[in-house]
C-alpha atoms as a PDB file:
ATOM      1  CA  MET A   1     -10.826   5.553  13.021  1.00  0.00           C
ATOM      2  CA  LYS A   2     -13.442   3.912  10.821  1.00  0.00           C
ATOM      3  CA  ALA A   3     -14.538   7.110   9.053  1.00  0.00           C
ATOM      4  CA  GLY A   4     -10.995   7.766   7.864  1.00  0.00           C
ATOM      5  CA  GLN A   5     -10.624   4.186   6.660  1.00  0.00           C
ATOM      6  CA  VAL A   6     -13.881   4.460   4.707  1.00  0.00           C
ATOM      7  CA  LEU A   7     -12.733   7.711   3.104  1.00  0.00           C
ATOM      8  CA  LYS A   8      -9.347   6.270   2.201  1.00  0.00           C
ATOM      9  CA  GLY A   9     -10.901   3.104   0.770  1.00  0.00           C
ATOM     10  CA  SER A  10     -13.415   5.168  -1.200  1.00  0.00           C
ATOM     11  CA  ALA A  11     -10.600   7.333  -2.574  1.00  0.00           C
ATOM     12  CA  ALA A  12      -8.696   4.226  -3.707  1.00  0.00           C
ATOM     13  CA  ALA A  13     -11.835   2.929  -5.446  1.00  0.00           C
ATOM     14  CA  VAL A  14     -12.449   6.275  -7.187  1.00  0.00           C
ATOM     15  CA  LEU A  15      -8.804   6.451  -8.288  1.00  0.00           C
ATOM     16  CA  ALA A  16      -8.961   2.931  -9.757  1.00  0.00           C
ATOM     17  CA  ALA A  17     -12.252   3.705 -11.537  1.00  0.00           C
ATOM     18  CA  THR A  18     -10.802   6.936 -12.925  1.00  0.00           C
ATOM     19  CA  ALA A  19      -7.797   5.066 -14.325  1.00  0.00           C
ATOM     20  CA  VAL A  20     -10.176   2.756 -16.199  1.00  0.00           C
ATOM     21  CA  LEU A  21     -12.179   5.742 -17.464  1.00  0.00           C
ATOM     22  CA  TYR A  22      -9.042   7.452 -18.787  1.00  0.00           C
ATOM     23  CA  VAL A  23      -8.101   4.304 -20.698  1.00  0.00           C
ATOM     24  CA  ILE A  24     -11.599   4.185 -22.196  1.00  0.00           C
ATOM     25  CA  SER A  25     -11.335   7.902 -23.069  1.00  0.00           C
ATOM     26  CA  PHE A  26      -8.629   7.055 -25.627  1.00  0.00           C
ATOM     27  CA  TRP A  27     -11.423   5.562 -27.766  1.00  0.00           C
ATOM     28  CA  THR A  28     -14.335   7.807 -26.753  1.00  0.00           C
ATOM     29  CA  GLY A  29     -12.605  11.210 -26.899  1.00  0.00           C
ATOM     30  CA  GLU A  30     -14.367  13.898 -24.869  1.00  0.00           C
ATOM     31  CA  LEU A  31     -17.503  11.843 -24.290  1.00  0.00           C
ATOM     32  CA  LEU A  32     -16.402  10.948 -20.734  1.00  0.00           C
ATOM     33  CA  GLY A  33     -15.178  14.448 -19.872  1.00  0.00           C
ATOM     34  CA  GLY A  34     -18.009  15.127 -17.424  1.00  0.00           C
ATOM     35  CA  VAL A  35     -17.600  11.780 -15.682  1.00  0.00           C
ATOM     36  CA  LEU A  36     -13.838  12.271 -15.382  1.00  0.00           C
ATOM     37  CA  PHE A  37     -14.215  15.729 -13.865  1.00  0.00           C
ATOM     38  CA  THR A  38     -16.868  14.354 -11.518  1.00  0.00           C
ATOM     39  CA  ALA A  39     -14.430  11.649 -10.387  1.00  0.00           C
ATOM     40  CA  ARG A  40     -11.806  14.311  -9.720  1.00  0.00           C
ATOM     41  CA  LEU A  41     -14.316  16.355  -7.745  1.00  0.00           C
ATOM     42  CA  VAL A  42     -15.228  13.281  -5.676  1.00  0.00           C
ATOM     43  CA  LEU A  43     -11.542  12.698  -4.874  1.00  0.00           C
ATOM     44  CA  ILE A  44     -11.113  16.341  -3.820  1.00  0.00           C
ATOM     45  CA  LEU A  45     -14.179  16.177  -1.574  1.00  0.00           C
ATOM     46  CA  LEU A  46     -12.947  12.909  -0.050  1.00  0.00           C
ATOM     47  CA  LEU A  47      -9.603  14.599   0.660  1.00  0.00           C
ATOM     48  CA  LEU A  48     -11.341  17.577   2.269  1.00  0.00           C
ATOM     49  CA  GLY A  49     -13.472  15.161   4.292  1.00  0.00           C
ATOM     50  CA  MET A  50     -10.333  13.337   5.441  1.00  0.00           C
ATOM     51  CA  LEU A  51      -8.688  16.617   6.439  1.00  0.00           C
ATOM     52  CA  ALA A  52     -11.830  17.786   8.252  1.00  0.00           C
ATOM     53  CA  ILE A  53     -11.685  14.631  10.383  1.00  0.00           C
ATOM     54  CA  LEU A  54      -7.924  14.477  10.887  1.00  0.00           C
ATOM     55  CA  LEU A  55      -6.691  18.093  10.821  1.00  0.00           C
ATOM     56  CA  PRO A  56      -7.181  18.693  14.585  1.00  0.00           C
ATOM     57  CA  ARG A  57      -5.212  15.490  15.266  1.00  0.00           C
ATOM     58  CA  LEU A  58      -2.278  15.992  12.884  1.00  0.00           C
ATOM     59  CA  ASP A  59      -0.263  18.410  15.034  1.00  0.00           C
ATOM     60  CA  GLY A  60       3.025  17.074  16.332  1.00  0.00           C
ATOM     61  CA  GLY A  61       3.831  14.758  13.444  1.00  0.00           C
ATOM     62  CA  THR A  62       6.413  14.839  10.670  1.00  0.00           C
ATOM     63  CA  ILE A  63       4.525  17.490   8.707  1.00  0.00           C
ATOM     64  CA  PRO A  64       3.766  20.716  10.670  1.00  0.00           C
ATOM     65  CA  MET A  65       0.191  21.956  11.128  1.00  0.00           C
ATOM     66  CA  GLN A  66       1.024  25.128   9.167  1.00  0.00           C
ATOM     67  CA  LEU A  67       1.725  23.037   6.078  1.00  0.00           C
ATOM     68  CA  TRP A  68      -1.475  21.000   6.469  1.00  0.00           C
ATOM     69  CA  SER A  69      -3.394  24.284   6.707  1.00  0.00           C
ATOM     70  CA  TRP A  70      -1.951  25.523   3.410  1.00  0.00           C
ATOM     71  CA  ILE A  71      -2.704  22.193   1.753  1.00  0.00           C
ATOM     72  CA  THR A  72      -6.300  22.490   2.936  1.00  0.00           C
ATOM     73  CA  VAL A  73      -6.515  26.030   1.514  1.00  0.00           C
ATOM     74  CA  ALA A  74      -5.143  24.895  -1.852  1.00  0.00           C
ATOM     75  CA  ILE A  75      -7.580  21.990  -2.074  1.00  0.00           C
ATOM     76  CA  ALA A  76     -10.560  24.126  -1.003  1.00  0.00           C
ATOM     77  CA  VAL A  77      -9.769  26.756  -3.658  1.00  0.00           C
ATOM     78  CA  ASN A  78      -9.290  23.996  -6.234  1.00  0.00           C
ATOM     79  CA  VAL A  79     -12.918  22.916  -5.788  1.00  0.00           C
ATOM     80  CA  ILE A  80     -14.077  26.066  -7.617  1.00  0.00           C
ATOM     81  CA  PRO A  81     -12.332  25.591 -11.003  1.00  0.00           C
ATOM     82  CA  VAL A  82     -12.985  21.830 -10.962  1.00  0.00           C
ATOM     83  CA  VAL A  83     -16.731  22.463 -10.496  1.00  0.00           C
ATOM     84  CA  MET A  84     -16.570  25.002 -13.358  1.00  0.00           C
ATOM     85  CA  GLU A  85     -14.819  22.534 -15.655  1.00  0.00           C
ATOM     86  CA  THR A  86     -17.322  19.834 -14.705  1.00  0.00           C
ATOM     87  CA  VAL A  87     -20.174  22.139 -15.754  1.00  0.00           C
ATOM     88  CA  ASN A  88     -18.472  22.891 -19.098  1.00  0.00           C
ATOM     89  CA  ALA A  89     -17.749  19.213 -19.710  1.00  0.00           C
ATOM     90  CA  TYR A  90     -21.359  18.114 -19.171  1.00  0.00           C
ATOM     91  CA  ALA A  91     -22.675  21.037 -21.234  1.00  0.00           C
ATOM     92  CA  ALA A  92     -20.166  20.226 -24.022  1.00  0.00           C
ATOM     93  CA  ARG A  93     -19.589  23.965 -24.423  1.00  0.00           C
ATOM     94  CA  LYS A  94     -17.926  26.872 -22.612  1.00  0.00           C
ATOM     95  CA  VAL A  95     -20.746  27.841 -20.238  1.00  0.00           C
ATOM     96  CA  ILE A  96     -18.114  29.332 -17.916  1.00  0.00           C
ATOM     97  CA  SER A  97     -15.236  31.312 -19.403  1.00  0.00           C
ATOM     98  CA  PRO A  98     -11.956  29.348 -19.594  1.00  0.00           C
ATOM     99  CA  ASP A  99     -10.191  32.599 -18.647  1.00  0.00           C
ATOM    100  CA  LEU A 100     -12.114  32.718 -15.358  1.00  0.00           C
ATOM    101  CA  ILE A 101     -11.281  29.062 -14.689  1.00  0.00           C
ATOM    102  CA  PHE A 102      -7.612  29.835 -15.395  1.00  0.00           C
ATOM    103  CA  VAL A 103      -7.665  32.638 -12.805  1.00  0.00           C
ATOM    104  CA  PHE A 104      -8.823  30.209 -10.109  1.00  0.00           C
ATOM    105  CA  TYR A 105      -6.136  27.692 -11.083  1.00  0.00           C
ATOM    106  CA  LEU A 106      -3.586  30.486 -10.644  1.00  0.00           C
ATOM    107  CA  LEU A 107      -4.969  31.051  -7.139  1.00  0.00           C
ATOM    108  CA  VAL A 108      -4.370  27.339  -6.439  1.00  0.00           C
ATOM    109  CA  PHE A 109      -0.830  27.700  -7.756  1.00  0.00           C
ATOM    110  CA  ILE A 110       0.042  30.199  -4.986  1.00  0.00           C
ATOM    111  CA  PRO A 111      -0.597  27.910  -1.960  1.00  0.00           C
ATOM    112  CA  VAL A 112       1.107  25.031  -3.809  1.00  0.00           C
ATOM    113  CA  LEU A 113       4.296  27.108  -4.010  1.00  0.00           C
ATOM    114  CA  VAL A 114       3.848  28.111  -0.356  1.00  0.00           C
ATOM    115  CA  VAL A 115       3.696  24.393   0.538  1.00  0.00           C
ATOM    116  CA  VAL A 116       6.989  23.818  -1.313  1.00  0.00           C
ATOM    117  CA  ALA A 117       8.554  26.786   0.523  1.00  0.00           C
ATOM    118  CA  ILE A 118       7.358  25.542   3.935  1.00  0.00           C
ATOM    119  CA  LEU A 119       8.745  22.084   3.189  1.00  0.00           C
ATOM    120  CA  TYR A 120      12.109  23.576   2.263  1.00  0.00           C
ATOM    121  CA  LEU A 121      12.279  25.889   5.302  1.00  0.00           C
ATOM    122  CA  GLY A 122      11.390  22.966   7.573  1.00  0.00           C
ATOM    123  CA  PHE A 123      14.058  20.923   5.827  1.00  0.00           C
ATOM    124  CA  ARG A 124      16.662  23.595   6.571  1.00  0.00           C
ATOM    125  CA  ARG A 125      15.490  24.175  10.172  1.00  0.00           C
ATOM    126  CA  GLN A 126      16.059  20.505  10.881  1.00  0.00           C
ATOM    127  CA  GLY A 127      19.696  21.051   9.941  1.00  0.00           C
ATOM    128  CA  LEU A 128      19.386  18.858   6.873  1.00  0.00           C
ATOM    129  CA  SER A 129      21.195  19.416   3.614  1.00  0.00           C
ATOM    130  CA  PHE A 130      21.250  17.717   0.245  1.00  0.00           C
ATOM    131  CA  THR A 131      23.529  14.732   0.709  1.00  0.00           C
ATOM    132  CA  THR A 132      26.122  13.756  -1.865  1.00  0.00           C
ATOM    133  CA  LYS A 133      24.382  10.399  -2.267  1.00  0.00           C
ATOM    134  CA  ALA A 134      21.030  12.083  -2.906  1.00  0.00           C
ATOM    135  CA  MET A 135      22.561  14.467  -5.424  1.00  0.00           C
ATOM    136  CA  ALA A 136      24.310  11.608  -7.242  1.00  0.00           C
ATOM    137  CA  THR A 137      21.085   9.590  -7.317  1.00  0.00           C
ATOM    138  CA  VAL A 138      18.704  12.290  -8.519  1.00  0.00           C
ATOM    139  CA  LEU A 139      20.703  14.943 -10.381  1.00  0.00           C
ATOM    140  CA  PRO A 140      21.436  12.947 -13.591  1.00  0.00           C
ATOM    141  CA  SER A 141      17.758  12.189 -14.213  1.00  0.00           C
ATOM    142  CA  LEU A 142      16.675  15.696 -13.156  1.00  0.00           C
ATOM    143  CA  SER A 143      19.277  17.256 -15.446  1.00  0.00           C
ATOM    144  CA  ALA A 144      18.005  15.164 -18.357  1.00  0.00           C
ATOM    145  CA  PHE A 145      14.430  16.185 -17.521  1.00  0.00           C
ATOM    146  CA  VAL A 146      15.371  19.881 -17.451  1.00  0.00           C
ATOM    147  CA  VAL A 147      17.133  19.635 -20.829  1.00  0.00           C
ATOM    148  CA  VAL A 148      14.160  17.840 -22.414  1.00  0.00           C
ATOM    149  CA  THR A 149      11.729  20.411 -20.972  1.00  0.00           C
ATOM    150  CA  VAL A 150      13.781  23.298 -22.355  1.00  0.00           C
ATOM    151  CA  VAL A 151      14.054  21.678 -25.801  1.00  0.00           C
ATOM    152  CA  VAL A 152      10.443  20.538 -26.243  1.00  0.00           C
ATOM    153  CA  LEU A 153       8.682  23.322 -24.306  1.00  0.00           C
ATOM    154  CA  VAL A 154      10.622  26.481 -23.518  1.00  0.00           C
ATOM    155  CA  ILE A 155      12.340  26.922 -26.907  1.00  0.00           C
ATOM    156  CA  PRO A 156       9.162  26.276 -28.982  1.00  0.00           C
ATOM    157  CA  MET A 157       7.193  28.616 -26.692  1.00  0.00           C
ATOM    158  CA  ALA A 158       9.813  31.356 -27.032  1.00  0.00           C
ATOM    159  CA  GLY A 159       9.733  31.101 -30.809  1.00  0.00           C
ATOM    160  CA  GLY A 160       5.973  30.668 -31.173  1.00  0.00           C
ATOM    161  CA  ASP A 161       3.487  33.136 -32.628  1.00  0.00           C
ATOM    162  CA  ILE A 162       1.342  33.414 -29.485  1.00  0.00           C
ATOM    163  CA  PRO A 163       1.069  36.891 -27.841  1.00  0.00           C
ATOM    164  CA  LEU A 164       4.224  38.011 -26.029  1.00  0.00           C
ATOM    165  CA  GLY A 165       2.507  38.333 -22.630  1.00  0.00           C
ATOM    166  CA  VAL A 166       1.101  34.807 -22.813  1.00  0.00           C
ATOM    167  CA  ARG A 167       4.448  33.503 -24.017  1.00  0.00           C
ATOM    168  CA  VAL A 168       6.366  35.070 -21.132  1.00  0.00           C
ATOM    169  CA  SER A 169       3.852  33.944 -18.480  1.00  0.00           C
ATOM    170  CA  ASP A 170       3.814  30.372 -19.828  1.00  0.00           C
ATOM    171  CA  ILE A 171       7.617  30.155 -19.888  1.00  0.00           C
ATOM    172  CA  ILE A 172       7.962  31.595 -16.377  1.00  0.00           C
ATOM    173  CA  SER A 173       5.303  29.170 -15.092  1.00  0.00           C
ATOM    174  CA  ILE A 174       7.106  26.188 -16.624  1.00  0.00           C
ATOM    175  CA  LEU A 175      10.496  27.260 -15.245  1.00  0.00           C
ATOM    176  CA  ILE A 176       9.018  27.704 -11.745  1.00  0.00           C
ATOM    177  CA  GLN A 177       7.385  24.270 -11.953  1.00  0.00           C
ATOM    178  CA  VAL A 178      10.622  22.612 -13.081  1.00  0.00           C
ATOM    179  CA  ALA A 179      12.670  24.326 -10.358  1.00  0.00           C
ATOM    180  CA  ALA A 180      10.127  23.362  -7.671  1.00  0.00           C
ATOM    181  CA  LEU A 181       9.986  19.793  -8.955  1.00  0.00           C
ATOM    182  CA  CYS A 182      13.791  19.469  -8.736  1.00  0.00           C
ATOM    183  CA  LEU A 183      13.800  20.936  -5.211  1.00  0.00           C
ATOM    184  CA  VAL A 184      11.035  18.604  -3.993  1.00  0.00           C
ATOM    185  CA  ALA A 185      12.715  15.571  -5.573  1.00  0.00           C
ATOM    186  CA  LEU A 186      16.002  16.329  -3.800  1.00  0.00           C
ATOM    187  CA  MET A 187      14.232  16.872  -0.459  1.00  0.00           C
ATOM    188  CA  ALA A 188      12.136  13.712  -0.848  1.00  0.00           C
ATOM    189  CA  ILE A 189      15.091  11.426  -1.401  1.00  0.00           C
ATOM    190  CA  THR A 190      16.935  13.023   1.542  1.00  0.00           C
ATOM    191  CA  ILE A 191      14.283  12.920   4.292  1.00  0.00           C
ATOM    192  CA  GLY A 192      11.379  10.961   2.806  1.00  0.00           C
ATOM    193  CA  ARG A 193      12.802   7.695   4.119  1.00  0.00           C
ATOM    194  CA  GLY A 194      11.635   5.330   6.819  1.00  0.00           C
ATOM    195  CA  VAL A 195       8.289   5.257   8.605  1.00  0.00           C
ATOM    196  CA  ALA A 196       8.625   8.778  10.066  1.00  0.00           C
ATOM    197  CA  GLY A 197       9.406  10.216   6.633  1.00  0.00           C
ATOM    198  CA  ARG A 198       6.455   8.541   4.896  1.00  0.00           C
ATOM    199  CA  PRO A 199       3.982  11.465   5.246  1.00  0.00           C
ATOM    200  CA  TYR A 200       6.652  13.752   3.823  1.00  0.00           C
ATOM    201  CA  LEU A 201       7.275  11.334   0.954  1.00  0.00           C
ATOM    202  CA  PHE A 202       3.559  11.126   0.076  1.00  0.00           C
ATOM    203  CA  ILE A 203       3.246  14.936   0.015  1.00  0.00           C
ATOM    204  CA  SER A 204       6.413  15.258  -2.067  1.00  0.00           C
ATOM    205  CA  LEU A 205       5.121  12.718  -4.597  1.00  0.00           C
ATOM    206  CA  ALA A 206       1.786  14.562  -4.722  1.00  0.00           C
ATOM    207  CA  LEU A 207       3.603  17.808  -5.522  1.00  0.00           C
ATOM    208  CA  VAL A 208       5.653  16.049  -8.212  1.00  0.00           C
ATOM    209  CA  CYS A 209       2.403  14.776  -9.785  1.00  0.00           C
ATOM    210  CA  VAL A 210       0.907  18.299  -9.805  1.00  0.00           C
ATOM    211  CA  MET A 211       4.013  19.794 -11.410  1.00  0.00           C
ATOM    212  CA  MET A 212       4.369  17.003 -13.978  1.00  0.00           C
ATOM    213  CA  GLN A 213       0.708  17.442 -14.961  1.00  0.00           C
ATOM    214  CA  THR A 214       1.287  21.161 -15.544  1.00  0.00           C
ATOM    215  CA  ILE A 215       4.377  20.535 -17.659  1.00  0.00           C
ATOM    216  CA  LEU A 216       2.737  17.761 -19.703  1.00  0.00           C
ATOM    217  CA  THR A 217      -0.396  19.837 -20.256  1.00  0.00           C
ATOM    218  CA  ALA A 218       1.722  22.764 -21.495  1.00  0.00           C
ATOM    219  CA  HIS A 219       3.367  20.439 -24.021  1.00  0.00           C
ATOM    220  CA  ILE A 220       0.035  18.958 -25.108  1.00  0.00           C
ATOM    221  CA  ARG A 221      -1.421  22.446 -25.571  1.00  0.00           C
ATOM    222  CA  LEU A 222       1.672  23.466 -27.540  1.00  0.00           C
ATOM    223  CA  VAL A 223       1.291  20.618 -30.038  1.00  0.00           C
ATOM    224  CA  GLY A 224      -2.453  21.218 -30.291  1.00  0.00           C
ATOM    225  CA  ILE A 225      -4.025  17.945 -29.101  1.00  0.00           C
ATOM    226  CA  MET A 226      -5.638  19.191 -25.890  1.00  0.00           C
ATOM    227  CA  SER A 227      -8.994  17.665 -24.981  1.00  0.00           C
ATOM    228  CA  THR A 228     -11.385  17.659 -22.037  1.00  0.00           C
ATOM    229  CA  ALA A 229     -10.521  14.040 -21.223  1.00  0.00           C
ATOM    230  CA  GLU A 230      -6.766  14.648 -21.272  1.00  0.00           C
ATOM    231  CA  PRO A 231      -5.006  11.601 -19.765  1.00  0.00           C
ATOM    232  CA  ALA A 232      -2.259  13.812 -18.276  1.00  0.00           C
ATOM    233  CA  ASP A 233      -4.896  15.057 -15.837  1.00  0.00           C
ATOM    234  CA  PHE A 234      -4.844  11.633 -14.193  1.00  0.00           C
ATOM    235  CA  LEU A 235      -1.699  12.802 -12.402  1.00  0.00           C
ATOM    236  CA  LEU A 236      -3.870  15.277 -10.472  1.00  0.00           C
ATOM    237  CA  ASN A 237      -6.127  12.449  -9.312  1.00  0.00           C
ATOM    238  CA  VAL A 238      -3.057  10.536  -8.154  1.00  0.00           C
ATOM    239  CA  ALA A 239      -1.886  13.662  -6.282  1.00  0.00           C
ATOM    240  CA  TYR A 240      -5.181  13.934  -4.369  1.00  0.00           C
ATOM    241  CA  TYR A 241      -4.980  10.276  -3.396  1.00  0.00           C
ATOM    242  CA  LEU A 242      -1.372  10.668  -2.224  1.00  0.00           C
ATOM    243  CA  LEU A 243      -2.421  13.585  -0.009  1.00  0.00           C
ATOM    244  CA  ILE A 244      -5.111  11.384   1.530  1.00  0.00           C
ATOM    245  CA  ARG A 245      -2.434   8.767   2.224  1.00  0.00           C
ATOM    246  CA  ALA A 246      -0.166  11.441   3.738  1.00  0.00           C
ATOM    247  CA  ALA A 247      -2.851  12.610   6.173  1.00  0.00           C
ATOM    248  CA  ASP A 248      -3.787   9.051   7.134  1.00  0.00           C
ATOM    249  CA  THR A 249      -0.145   8.017   7.594  1.00  0.00           C
ATOM    250  CA  GLN A 250       0.704  10.990   9.827  1.00  0.00           C
ATOM    251  CA  TYR A 251      -2.401  10.395  11.954  1.00  0.00           C
ATOM    252  CA  ARG A 252      -1.487   6.730  12.416  1.00  0.00           C
ATOM    253  CA  LEU A 253       2.086   7.636  13.376  1.00  0.00           C
ATOM    254  CA  ILE A 254       0.879  10.142  15.998  1.00  0.00           C
ATOM    255  CA  ALA A 255      -1.728   7.715  17.339  1.00  0.00           C
ATOM    256  CA  GLY A 256       0.798   4.865  17.508  1.00  0.00           C
ATOM    257  CA  LEU A 257      -1.192   2.745  15.053  1.00  0.00           C
ATOM    258  CA  PRO A 258       0.479   0.451  12.528  1.00  0.00           C
ATOM    259  CA  PRO A 259       0.681   1.737   8.911  1.00  0.00           C
ATOM    260  CA  THR A 260      -1.906   0.394   6.505  1.00  0.00           C
ATOM    261  CA  GLY A 261      -1.866  -0.457   2.842  1.00  0.00           C
ATOM    262  CA  ALA A 262      -3.970   1.242   0.192  1.00  0.00           C
END
């Protein structure tokens, strides 16, 4: 499957280049904003290209076709706000309203939550439950993360001077993200093991990256140091690459091919 290998290799190269660009952005500020958004757009298009090639062949693996379909929907919708932000970054001004961009990101948020729900329902249908070992391994760190999030994000947001509606929506969004992150982490450590669980693990890690980016961005916006070239956004690029790895890994498992490295 040479086309898939080319796409995966290209995605790895783009991810590595983006990491270098984010490091450089510490010294150049927003100068590289357009290039960084372009790199993200390239990764998204590579992921869509990978799914276009593999989607008909992914049925029957660890991850059900229904879930792959929702992932494809989320990524396709995500193209719109990323293109908008790329335009704004190159223009160095708000050519497209940030409020409109925010609406499209909310539309992406819906299928992401659906993906989490499908993962959980599949988890339960398989008769799996959160093992004592998994709980003991993950709960201490997750509990610490929840406490830190409440202290540095939720409490300052609740007591801030931003409009009440914005305050409530931001707090609800953060709480949903934290709850979903904890759920995915517990599922990942329970069934994301071994070769058969690898596609599940890659998707779980991708979801964790998306949720962590949202939480970090909320904190950065709260303390007032948001910029176009925000390094926290690199987590989104990592998430797209992990989804490419998930699709490739499931295809190779179904086809009886040996797993490959990055």
